[in-house]
Structures are given as C-alpha cells and as structure tokens.
All heavy atoms as atom14 arrays in JSON, in Angstrom:
{
  "sequence": "LLQLDDQVTLGEQLARGCGWAYASMPTGIMPEIFDLVACDAVDGP",
  "atom14_mask": [
    [1, 1, 1, 1, 1, 1, 1, 1, 0, 0, 0, 0, 0, 0],
    [1, 1, 1, 1, 1, 1, 1, 1, 0, 0, 0, 0, 0, 0],
    [1, 1, 1, 1, 1, 1, 1, 1, 1, 0, 0, 0, 0, 0],
    [1, 1, 1, 1, 1, 1, 1, 1, 0, 0, 0, 0, 0, 0],
    [1, 1, 1, 1, 1, 1, 1, 1, 0, 0, 0, 0, 0, 0],
    [1, 1, 1, 1, 1, 1, 1, 1, 0, 0, 0, 0, 0, 0],
    [1, 1, 1, 1, 1, 1, 1, 1, 1, 0, 0, 0, 0, 0],
    [1, 1, 1, 1, 1, 1, 1, 0, 0, 0, 0, 0, 0, 0],
    [1, 1, 1, 1, 1, 1, 1, 0, 0, 0, 0, 0, 0, 0],
    [1, 1, 1, 1, 1, 1, 1, 1, 0, 0, 0, 0, 0, 0],
    [1, 1, 1, 1, 0, 0, 0, 0, 0, 0, 0, 0, 0, 0],
    [1, 1, 1, 1, 1, 1, 1, 1, 1, 0, 0, 0, 0, 0],
    [1, 1, 1, 1, 1, 1, 1, 1, 1, 0, 0, 0, 0, 0],
    [1, 1, 1, 1, 1, 1, 1, 1, 0, 0, 0, 0, 0, 0],
    [1, 1, 1, 1, 1, 0, 0, 0, 0, 0, 0, 0, 0, 0],
    [1, 1, 1, 1, 1, 1, 1, 1, 1, 1, 1, 0, 0, 0],
    [1, 1, 1, 1, 0, 0, 0, 0, 0, 0, 0, 0, 0, 0],
    [1, 1, 1, 1, 1, 1, 0, 0, 0, 0, 0, 0, 0, 0],
    [1, 1, 1, 1, 0, 0, 0, 0, 0, 0, 0, 0, 0, 0],
    [1, 1, 1, 1, 1, 1, 1, 1, 1, 1, 1, 1, 1, 1],
    [1, 1, 1, 1, 1, 0, 0, 0, 0, 0, 0, 0, 0, 0],
    [1, 1, 1, 1, 1, 1, 1, 1, 1, 1, 1, 1, 0, 0],
    [1, 1, 1, 1, 1, 0, 0, 0, 0, 0, 0, 0, 0, 0],
    [1, 1, 1, 1, 1, 1, 0, 0, 0, 0, 0, 0, 0, 0],
    [1, 1, 1, 1, 1, 1, 1, 1, 0, 0, 0, 0, 0, 0],
    [1, 1, 1, 1, 1, 1, 1, 0, 0, 0, 0, 0, 0, 0],
    [1, 1, 1, 1, 1, 1, 1, 0, 0, 0, 0, 0, 0, 0],
    [1, 1, 1, 1, 0, 0, 0, 0, 0, 0, 0, 0, 0, 0],
    [1, 1, 1, 1, 1, 1, 1, 1, 0, 0, 0, 0, 0, 0],
    [1, 1, 1, 1, 1, 1, 1, 1, 0, 0, 0, 0, 0, 0],
    [1, 1, 1, 1, 1, 1, 1, 0, 0, 0, 0, 0, 0, 0],
    [1, 1, 1, 1, 1, 1, 1, 1, 1, 0, 0, 0, 0, 0],
    [1, 1, 1, 1, 1, 1, 1, 1, 0, 0, 0, 0, 0, 0],
    [1, 1, 1, 1, 1, 1, 1, 1, 1, 1, 1, 0, 0, 0],
    [1, 1, 1, 1, 1, 1, 1, 1, 0, 0, 0, 0, 0, 0],
    [1, 1, 1, 1, 1, 1, 1, 1, 0, 0, 0, 0, 0, 0],
    [1, 1, 1, 1, 1, 1, 1, 0, 0, 0, 0, 0, 0, 0],
    [1, 1, 1, 1, 1, 0, 0, 0, 0, 0, 0, 0, 0, 0],
    [1, 1, 1, 1, 1, 1, 0, 0, 0, 0, 0, 0, 0, 0],
    [1, 1, 1, 1, 1, 1, 1, 1, 0, 0, 0, 0, 0, 0],
    [1, 1, 1, 1, 1, 0, 0, 0, 0, 0, 0, 0, 0, 0],
    [1, 1, 1, 1, 1, 1, 1, 0, 0, 0, 0, 0, 0, 0],
    [1, 1, 1, 1, 1, 1, 1, 1, 0, 0, 0, 0, 0, 0],
    [1, 1, 1, 1, 0, 0, 0, 0, 0, 0, 0, 0, 0, 0],
    [1, 1, 1, 1, 1, 1, 1, 0, 0, 0, 0, 0, 0, 0]
  ],
  "atom14_positions": [
    [[146.44, 49.89, 52.03], [147.83, 50.13, 51.63], [148.82, 49.49, 52.6], [149.89, 49.03, 52.19], [148.09, 51.63, 51.54], [147.39, 52.39, 50.42], [147.6, 53.89, 50.58], [147.92, 51.93, 49.05], [0.0, 0.0, 0.0], [0.0, 0.0, 0.0], [0.0, 0.0, 0.0], [0.0, 0.0, 0.0], [0.0, 0.0, 0.0], [0.0, 0.0, 0.0]],
    [[148.48, 49.49, 53.88], [149.41, 49.0, 54.91], [149.03, 47.61, 55.41], [149.62, 47.11, 56.37], [149.45, 49.99, 56.08], [149.78, 51.44, 55.71], [149.77, 52.33, 56.95], [151.12, 51.55, 54.99], [0.0, 0.0, 0.0], [0.0, 0.0, 0.0], [0.0, 0.0, 0.0], [0.0, 0.0, 0.0], [0.0, 0.0, 0.0], [0.0, 0.0, 0.0]],
    [[148.03, 46.99, 54.76], [147.58, 45.65, 55.1], [147.16, 45.54, 56.57], [147.56, 44.64, 57.3], [148.66, 44.62, 54.75], [148.94, 44.57, 53.25], [149.97, 43.53, 52.87], [151.11, 43.58, 53.32], [149.57, 42.58, 52.03], [0.0, 0.0, 0.0], [0.0, 0.0, 0.0], [0.0, 0.0, 0.0], [0.0, 0.0, 0.0], [0.0, 0.0, 0.0]],
    [[146.33, 46.49, 56.97], [145.77, 46.52, 58.32], [144.27, 46.25, 58.18], [143.45, 47.16, 58.12], [146.01, 47.87, 58.98], [147.48, 48.33, 59.07], [147.57, 49.77, 59.52], [148.27, 47.42, 60.0], [0.0, 0.0, 0.0], [0.0, 0.0, 0.0], [0.0, 0.0, 0.0], [0.0, 0.0, 0.0], [0.0, 0.0, 0.0], [0.0, 0.0, 0.0]],
    [[143.9, 44.97, 58.13], [142.51, 44.61, 57.85], [141.53, 45.17, 58.88], [140.4, 45.5, 58.56], [142.37, 43.08, 57.79], [143.09, 42.49, 56.58], [143.38, 43.26, 55.65], [143.34, 41.27, 56.59], [0.0, 0.0, 0.0], [0.0, 0.0, 0.0], [0.0, 0.0, 0.0], [0.0, 0.0, 0.0], [0.0, 0.0, 0.0], [0.0, 0.0, 0.0]],
    [[141.98, 45.26, 60.14], [141.08, 45.77, 61.18], [140.72, 47.23, 60.92], [139.63, 47.68, 61.29], [141.72, 45.61, 62.55], [143.07, 46.32, 62.67], [143.78, 46.43, 61.66], [143.41, 46.77, 63.79], [0.0, 0.0, 0.0], [0.0, 0.0, 0.0], [0.0, 0.0, 0.0], [0.0, 0.0, 0.0], [0.0, 0.0, 0.0], [0.0, 0.0, 0.0]],
    [[141.61, 47.97, 60.26], [141.3, 49.37, 59.97], [140.34, 49.5, 58.79], [139.57, 50.46, 58.73], [142.59, 50.16, 59.72], [143.42, 50.31, 60.98], [144.42, 51.45, 60.91], [144.36, 52.31, 60.06], [145.35, 51.44, 61.85], [0.0, 0.0, 0.0], [0.0, 0.0, 0.0], [0.0, 0.0, 0.0], [0.0, 0.0, 0.0], [0.0, 0.0, 0.0]],
    [[140.36, 48.55, 57.87], [139.35, 48.55, 56.81], [137.97, 48.32, 57.42], [137.0, 49.0, 57.07], [139.66, 47.48, 55.75], [138.57, 47.48, 54.67], [141.03, 47.72, 55.12], [0.0, 0.0, 0.0], [0.0, 0.0, 0.0], [0.0, 0.0, 0.0], [0.0, 0.0, 0.0], [0.0, 0.0, 0.0], [0.0, 0.0, 0.0], [0.0, 0.0, 0.0]],
    [[137.89, 47.39, 58.35], [136.63, 47.14, 59.06], [136.19, 48.37, 59.84], [135.01, 48.75, 59.82], [136.8, 45.95, 60.02], [137.18, 44.79, 59.29], [135.51, 45.67, 60.77], [0.0, 0.0, 0.0], [0.0, 0.0, 0.0], [0.0, 0.0, 0.0], [0.0, 0.0, 0.0], [0.0, 0.0, 0.0], [0.0, 0.0, 0.0], [0.0, 0.0, 0.0]],
    [[137.12, 48.99, 60.52], [136.83, 50.22, 61.25], [136.32, 51.3, 60.31], [135.35, 52.01, 60.62], [138.09, 50.69, 61.99], [138.03, 52.04, 62.7], [136.96, 52.04, 63.77], [139.4, 52.38, 63.3], [0.0, 0.0, 0.0], [0.0, 0.0, 0.0], [0.0, 0.0, 0.0], [0.0, 0.0, 0.0], [0.0, 0.0, 0.0], [0.0, 0.0, 0.0]],
    [[136.97, 51.43, 59.16], [136.55, 52.42, 58.18], [135.12, 52.2, 57.73], [134.34, 53.16, 57.58], [0.0, 0.0, 0.0], [0.0, 0.0, 0.0], [0.0, 0.0, 0.0], [0.0, 0.0, 0.0], [0.0, 0.0, 0.0], [0.0, 0.0, 0.0], [0.0, 0.0, 0.0], [0.0, 0.0, 0.0], [0.0, 0.0, 0.0], [0.0, 0.0, 0.0]],
    [[134.75, 50.94, 57.51], [133.39, 50.66, 57.09], [132.39, 50.99, 58.2], [131.3, 51.52, 57.93], [133.25, 49.19, 56.69], [131.86, 48.86, 56.16], [131.71, 47.42, 55.72], [132.72, 46.71, 55.6], [130.55, 47.0, 55.52], [0.0, 0.0, 0.0], [0.0, 0.0, 0.0], [0.0, 0.0, 0.0], [0.0, 0.0, 0.0], [0.0, 0.0, 0.0]],
    [[132.73, 50.7, 59.45], [131.83, 51.03, 60.56], [131.62, 52.54, 60.66], [130.51, 53.01, 60.95], [132.4, 50.49, 61.87], [132.41, 48.97, 61.97], [133.16, 48.49, 63.21], [134.36, 48.74, 63.36], [132.45, 47.82, 64.1], [0.0, 0.0, 0.0], [0.0, 0.0, 0.0], [0.0, 0.0, 0.0], [0.0, 0.0, 0.0], [0.0, 0.0, 0.0]],
    [[132.67, 53.3, 60.43], [132.56, 54.76, 60.46], [131.73, 55.27, 59.28], [130.9, 56.18, 59.44], [133.96, 55.38, 60.44], [134.77, 55.2, 61.73], [136.24, 55.46, 61.48], [134.25, 56.13, 62.84], [0.0, 0.0, 0.0], [0.0, 0.0, 0.0], [0.0, 0.0, 0.0], [0.0, 0.0, 0.0], [0.0, 0.0, 0.0], [0.0, 0.0, 0.0]],
    [[131.94, 54.71, 58.1], [131.17, 55.13, 56.93], [129.69, 54.83, 57.12], [128.82, 55.64, 56.79], [131.71, 54.44, 55.68], [0.0, 0.0, 0.0], [0.0, 0.0, 0.0], [0.0, 0.0, 0.0], [0.0, 0.0, 0.0], [0.0, 0.0, 0.0], [0.0, 0.0, 0.0], [0.0, 0.0, 0.0], [0.0, 0.0, 0.0], [0.0, 0.0, 0.0]],
    [[129.41, 53.66, 57.66], [128.01, 53.29, 57.9], [127.4, 54.17, 58.98], [126.19, 54.45, 58.98], [127.92, 51.82, 58.28], [128.2, 50.85, 57.12], [128.05, 49.41, 57.56], [128.34, 48.47, 56.49], [127.45, 48.06, 55.58], [126.2, 48.54, 55.62], [127.79, 47.19, 54.65], [0.0, 0.0, 0.0], [0.0, 0.0, 0.0], [0.0, 0.0, 0.0]],
    [[128.21, 54.61, 59.92], [127.72, 55.53, 60.93], [127.2, 56.81, 60.32], [126.12, 57.32, 60.69], [0.0, 0.0, 0.0], [0.0, 0.0, 0.0], [0.0, 0.0, 0.0], [0.0, 0.0, 0.0], [0.0, 0.0, 0.0], [0.0, 0.0, 0.0], [0.0, 0.0, 0.0], [0.0, 0.0, 0.0], [0.0, 0.0, 0.0], [0.0, 0.0, 0.0]],
    [[127.93, 57.33, 59.36], [127.49, 58.55, 58.68], [126.22, 58.28, 57.88], [125.32, 59.13, 57.82], [128.6, 59.08, 57.79], [130.03, 59.7, 58.74], [0.0, 0.0, 0.0], [0.0, 0.0, 0.0], [0.0, 0.0, 0.0], [0.0, 0.0, 0.0], [0.0, 0.0, 0.0], [0.0, 0.0, 0.0], [0.0, 0.0, 0.0], [0.0, 0.0, 0.0]],
    [[126.13, 57.09, 57.29], [124.91, 56.72, 56.59], [123.72, 56.66, 57.52], [122.6, 57.1, 57.18], [0.0, 0.0, 0.0], [0.0, 0.0, 0.0], [0.0, 0.0, 0.0], [0.0, 0.0, 0.0], [0.0, 0.0, 0.0], [0.0, 0.0, 0.0], [0.0, 0.0, 0.0], [0.0, 0.0, 0.0], [0.0, 0.0, 0.0], [0.0, 0.0, 0.0]],
    [[123.94, 56.12, 58.72], [122.87, 56.08, 59.73], [122.44, 57.48, 60.13], [121.24, 57.76, 60.28], [123.36, 55.31, 60.96], [122.43, 55.46, 62.13], [121.3, 54.76, 62.38], [122.56, 56.4, 63.21], [120.71, 55.2, 63.54], [121.46, 56.21, 64.06], [123.51, 57.39, 63.53], [121.28, 56.96, 65.22], [123.33, 58.15, 64.68], [122.22, 57.93, 65.52]],
    [[123.4, 58.38, 60.3], [123.07, 59.76, 60.68], [122.22, 60.44, 59.61], [121.32, 61.23, 59.93], [124.34, 60.56, 60.94], [0.0, 0.0, 0.0], [0.0, 0.0, 0.0], [0.0, 0.0, 0.0], [0.0, 0.0, 0.0], [0.0, 0.0, 0.0], [0.0, 0.0, 0.0], [0.0, 0.0, 0.0], [0.0, 0.0, 0.0], [0.0, 0.0, 0.0]],
    [[122.5, 60.14, 58.34], [121.66, 60.65, 57.25], [120.24, 60.13, 57.41], [119.26, 60.9, 57.43], [122.22, 60.21, 55.9], [123.1, 61.22, 55.21], [124.33, 61.58, 55.75], [122.71, 61.8, 54.01], [125.16, 62.49, 55.11], [123.53, 62.72, 53.36], [124.75, 63.06, 53.92], [125.55, 63.98, 53.28], [0.0, 0.0, 0.0], [0.0, 0.0, 0.0]],
    [[120.1, 58.84, 57.5], [118.78, 58.21, 57.5], [117.96, 58.59, 58.73], [116.72, 58.52, 58.7], [118.93, 56.69, 57.43], [0.0, 0.0, 0.0], [0.0, 0.0, 0.0], [0.0, 0.0, 0.0], [0.0, 0.0, 0.0], [0.0, 0.0, 0.0], [0.0, 0.0, 0.0], [0.0, 0.0, 0.0], [0.0, 0.0, 0.0], [0.0, 0.0, 0.0]],
    [[118.62, 59.0, 59.82], [117.92, 59.29, 61.07], [117.14, 60.59, 61.03], [116.17, 60.75, 61.78], [118.93, 59.35, 62.22], [119.57, 58.1, 62.38], [0.0, 0.0, 0.0], [0.0, 0.0, 0.0], [0.0, 0.0, 0.0], [0.0, 0.0, 0.0], [0.0, 0.0, 0.0], [0.0, 0.0, 0.0], [0.0, 0.0, 0.0], [0.0, 0.0, 0.0]],
    [[117.55, 61.53, 60.18], [116.96, 62.85, 60.19], [115.71, 62.92, 59.3], [115.6, 62.19, 58.31], [117.99, 63.88, 59.72], [119.11, 64.11, 60.72], [118.48, 64.85, 62.25], [119.8, 64.45, 63.41], [0.0, 0.0, 0.0], [0.0, 0.0, 0.0], [0.0, 0.0, 0.0], [0.0, 0.0, 0.0], [0.0, 0.0, 0.0], [0.0, 0.0, 0.0]],
    [[114.77, 63.83, 59.6], [113.56, 63.96, 58.79], [113.83, 64.22, 57.31], [113.09, 63.76, 56.44], [112.84, 65.14, 59.44], [113.32, 65.16, 60.84], [114.75, 64.7, 60.78], [0.0, 0.0, 0.0], [0.0, 0.0, 0.0], [0.0, 0.0, 0.0], [0.0, 0.0, 0.0], [0.0, 0.0, 0.0], [0.0, 0.0, 0.0], [0.0, 0.0, 0.0]],
    [[114.9, 64.96, 57.02], [115.26, 65.26, 55.63], [116.03, 64.13, 54.98], [116.23, 64.13, 53.76], [116.12, 66.53, 55.56], [117.24, 66.36, 56.45], [115.33, 67.76, 55.93], [0.0, 0.0, 0.0], [0.0, 0.0, 0.0], [0.0, 0.0, 0.0], [0.0, 0.0, 0.0], [0.0, 0.0, 0.0], [0.0, 0.0, 0.0], [0.0, 0.0, 0.0]],
    [[116.53, 63.19, 55.78], [117.4, 62.14, 55.26], [118.83, 62.59, 55.1], [119.62, 61.93, 54.41], [0.0, 0.0, 0.0], [0.0, 0.0, 0.0], [0.0, 0.0, 0.0], [0.0, 0.0, 0.0], [0.0, 0.0, 0.0], [0.0, 0.0, 0.0], [0.0, 0.0, 0.0], [0.0, 0.0, 0.0], [0.0, 0.0, 0.0], [0.0, 0.0, 0.0]],
    [[119.21, 63.7, 55.76], [120.56, 64.27, 55.66], [121.07, 64.58, 57.06], [120.34, 65.11, 57.9], [120.57, 65.57, 54.83], [119.88, 65.35, 53.48], [121.98, 66.08, 54.63], [119.67, 66.63, 52.69], [0.0, 0.0, 0.0], [0.0, 0.0, 0.0], [0.0, 0.0, 0.0], [0.0, 0.0, 0.0], [0.0, 0.0, 0.0], [0.0, 0.0, 0.0]],
    [[122.34, 64.31, 57.31], [122.9, 64.55, 58.63], [123.21, 66.03, 58.83], [123.46, 66.76, 57.87], [124.19, 63.72, 58.83], [125.38, 64.22, 58.04], [126.79, 63.06, 58.07], [127.15, 62.97, 59.81], [0.0, 0.0, 0.0], [0.0, 0.0, 0.0], [0.0, 0.0, 0.0], [0.0, 0.0, 0.0], [0.0, 0.0, 0.0], [0.0, 0.0, 0.0]],
    [[123.22, 66.51, 60.08], [123.57, 67.91, 60.35], [125.06, 68.18, 60.17], [125.88, 67.26, 60.16], [123.17, 68.1, 61.82], [122.37, 66.9, 62.2], [122.82, 65.8, 61.29], [0.0, 0.0, 0.0], [0.0, 0.0, 0.0], [0.0, 0.0, 0.0], [0.0, 0.0, 0.0], [0.0, 0.0, 0.0], [0.0, 0.0, 0.0], [0.0, 0.0, 0.0]],
    [[125.4, 69.45, 60.08], [126.8, 69.86, 59.98], [127.58, 69.49, 61.24], [128.67, 68.95, 61.17], [126.86, 71.38, 59.73], [128.25, 71.97, 59.65], [128.96, 71.7, 58.34], [128.41, 71.0, 57.48], [130.08, 72.19, 58.17], [0.0, 0.0, 0.0], [0.0, 0.0, 0.0], [0.0, 0.0, 0.0], [0.0, 0.0, 0.0], [0.0, 0.0, 0.0]],
    [[127.02, 69.78, 62.42], [127.67, 69.45, 63.7], [126.6, 68.92, 64.65], [125.53, 69.53, 64.79], [128.37, 70.67, 64.33], [129.39, 71.26, 63.36], [129.04, 70.28, 65.64], [130.05, 72.54, 63.88], [0.0, 0.0, 0.0], [0.0, 0.0, 0.0], [0.0, 0.0, 0.0], [0.0, 0.0, 0.0], [0.0, 0.0, 0.0], [0.0, 0.0, 0.0]],
    [[126.88, 67.8, 65.31], [125.9, 67.17, 66.19], [126.61, 66.4, 67.28], [127.79, 66.06, 67.17], [124.99, 66.24, 65.38], [125.73, 65.19, 64.6], [125.95, 63.93, 65.13], [126.23, 65.49, 63.34], [126.66, 62.97, 64.42], [126.94, 64.53, 62.61], [127.15, 63.27, 63.15], [0.0, 0.0, 0.0], [0.0, 0.0, 0.0], [0.0, 0.0, 0.0]],
    [[125.87, 66.13, 68.34], [126.42, 65.4, 69.48], [125.6, 64.14, 69.69], [124.38, 64.13, 69.47], [126.36, 66.29, 70.73], [127.31, 65.82, 71.83], [127.91, 64.74, 71.66], [127.43, 66.52, 72.85], [0.0, 0.0, 0.0], [0.0, 0.0, 0.0], [0.0, 0.0, 0.0], [0.0, 0.0, 0.0], [0.0, 0.0, 0.0], [0.0, 0.0, 0.0]],
    [[126.26, 63.08, 70.12], [125.61, 61.78, 70.31], [125.82, 61.28, 71.74], [126.82, 61.62, 72.38], [126.18, 60.75, 69.33], [125.95, 61.02, 67.85], [126.9, 60.18, 67.0], [124.51, 60.73, 67.47], [0.0, 0.0, 0.0], [0.0, 0.0, 0.0], [0.0, 0.0, 0.0], [0.0, 0.0, 0.0], [0.0, 0.0, 0.0], [0.0, 0.0, 0.0]],
    [[124.9, 60.49, 72.21], [125.08, 59.8, 73.48], [125.93, 58.57, 73.22], [125.6, 57.74, 72.37], [123.72, 59.4, 74.09], [123.94, 58.65, 75.41], [122.85, 60.62, 74.3], [0.0, 0.0, 0.0], [0.0, 0.0, 0.0], [0.0, 0.0, 0.0], [0.0, 0.0, 0.0], [0.0, 0.0, 0.0], [0.0, 0.0, 0.0], [0.0, 0.0, 0.0]],
    [[127.05, 58.47, 73.92], [128.01, 57.41, 73.63], [127.85, 56.22, 74.57], [127.43, 56.35, 75.73], [129.43, 57.95, 73.74], [0.0, 0.0, 0.0], [0.0, 0.0, 0.0], [0.0, 0.0, 0.0], [0.0, 0.0, 0.0], [0.0, 0.0, 0.0], [0.0, 0.0, 0.0], [0.0, 0.0, 0.0], [0.0, 0.0, 0.0], [0.0, 0.0, 0.0]],
    [[128.2, 55.05, 74.05], [128.3, 53.85, 74.88], [129.53, 53.97, 75.78], [130.43, 54.78, 75.53], [128.43, 52.6, 74.02], [127.02, 52.33, 72.91], [0.0, 0.0, 0.0], [0.0, 0.0, 0.0], [0.0, 0.0, 0.0], [0.0, 0.0, 0.0], [0.0, 0.0, 0.0], [0.0, 0.0, 0.0], [0.0, 0.0, 0.0], [0.0, 0.0, 0.0]],
    [[129.57, 53.16, 76.79], [130.72, 53.2, 77.7], [131.99, 52.67, 77.04], [133.1, 53.04, 77.43], [130.42, 52.38, 78.96], [129.33, 53.02, 79.82], [129.19, 54.26, 79.75], [128.62, 52.28, 80.52], [0.0, 0.0, 0.0], [0.0, 0.0, 0.0], [0.0, 0.0, 0.0], [0.0, 0.0, 0.0], [0.0, 0.0, 0.0], [0.0, 0.0, 0.0]],
    [[131.83, 51.79, 76.06], [133.0, 51.21, 75.4], [132.71, 51.02, 73.91], [131.55, 50.91, 73.51], [133.38, 49.88, 76.04], [0.0, 0.0, 0.0], [0.0, 0.0, 0.0], [0.0, 0.0, 0.0], [0.0, 0.0, 0.0], [0.0, 0.0, 0.0], [0.0, 0.0, 0.0], [0.0, 0.0, 0.0], [0.0, 0.0, 0.0], [0.0, 0.0, 0.0]],
    [[133.77, 51.0, 73.11], [133.62, 50.78, 71.68], [133.17, 49.35, 71.41], [132.33, 49.1, 70.55], [134.94, 51.08, 70.94], [134.85, 50.68, 69.47], [135.28, 52.55, 71.06], [0.0, 0.0, 0.0], [0.0, 0.0, 0.0], [0.0, 0.0, 0.0], [0.0, 0.0, 0.0], [0.0, 0.0, 0.0], [0.0, 0.0, 0.0], [0.0, 0.0, 0.0]],
    [[133.75, 48.41, 72.13], [133.39, 47.0, 71.99], [132.5, 46.58, 73.15], [132.46, 47.21, 74.19], [134.66, 46.13, 71.97], [135.56, 46.49, 70.81], [135.04, 46.67, 69.7], [136.78, 46.62, 71.02], [0.0, 0.0, 0.0], [0.0, 0.0, 0.0], [0.0, 0.0, 0.0], [0.0, 0.0, 0.0], [0.0, 0.0, 0.0], [0.0, 0.0, 0.0]],
    [[131.78, 45.51, 72.95], [130.95, 44.97, 74.02], [129.52, 45.45, 73.94], [129.16, 46.26, 73.09], [0.0, 0.0, 0.0], [0.0, 0.0, 0.0], [0.0, 0.0, 0.0], [0.0, 0.0, 0.0], [0.0, 0.0, 0.0], [0.0, 0.0, 0.0], [0.0, 0.0, 0.0], [0.0, 0.0, 0.0], [0.0, 0.0, 0.0], [0.0, 0.0, 0.0]],
    [[128.67, 44.96, 74.83], [127.23, 45.28, 74.8], [126.99, 46.75, 75.12], [127.72, 47.38, 75.88], [126.65, 44.37, 75.88], [127.78, 44.11, 76.81], [129.01, 44.06, 75.95], [0.0, 0.0, 0.0], [0.0, 0.0, 0.0], [0.0, 0.0, 0.0], [0.0, 0.0, 0.0], [0.0, 0.0, 0.0], [0.0, 0.0, 0.0], [0.0, 0.0, 0.0]]
  ]
}
C-alpha cells in the first residue's frame, strides 16, 4: 500500500520463518510460545 518494497521482502522472510517453525517440530506444527537462539545481527553471516 505504501510502496515500501523492502517491507514486502521482510514480510515474506517473517512468513517463511513461521513455516520453518512448523516444519521443525515432530508434529509439523509450531508451538504457541517458544524461544529461539538469535544471531548477533539481522543481516550478515
């Protein structure tokens, strides 16, 4: 709506993150509340 292409990309990365959380679990479904080990930065190695 606001022509912010970087936010569309960000949105897809977030959506795919939730898809990954589903696939990671034995049931194929993500938990209600969970904690993750984070990288030091959003960008970069």
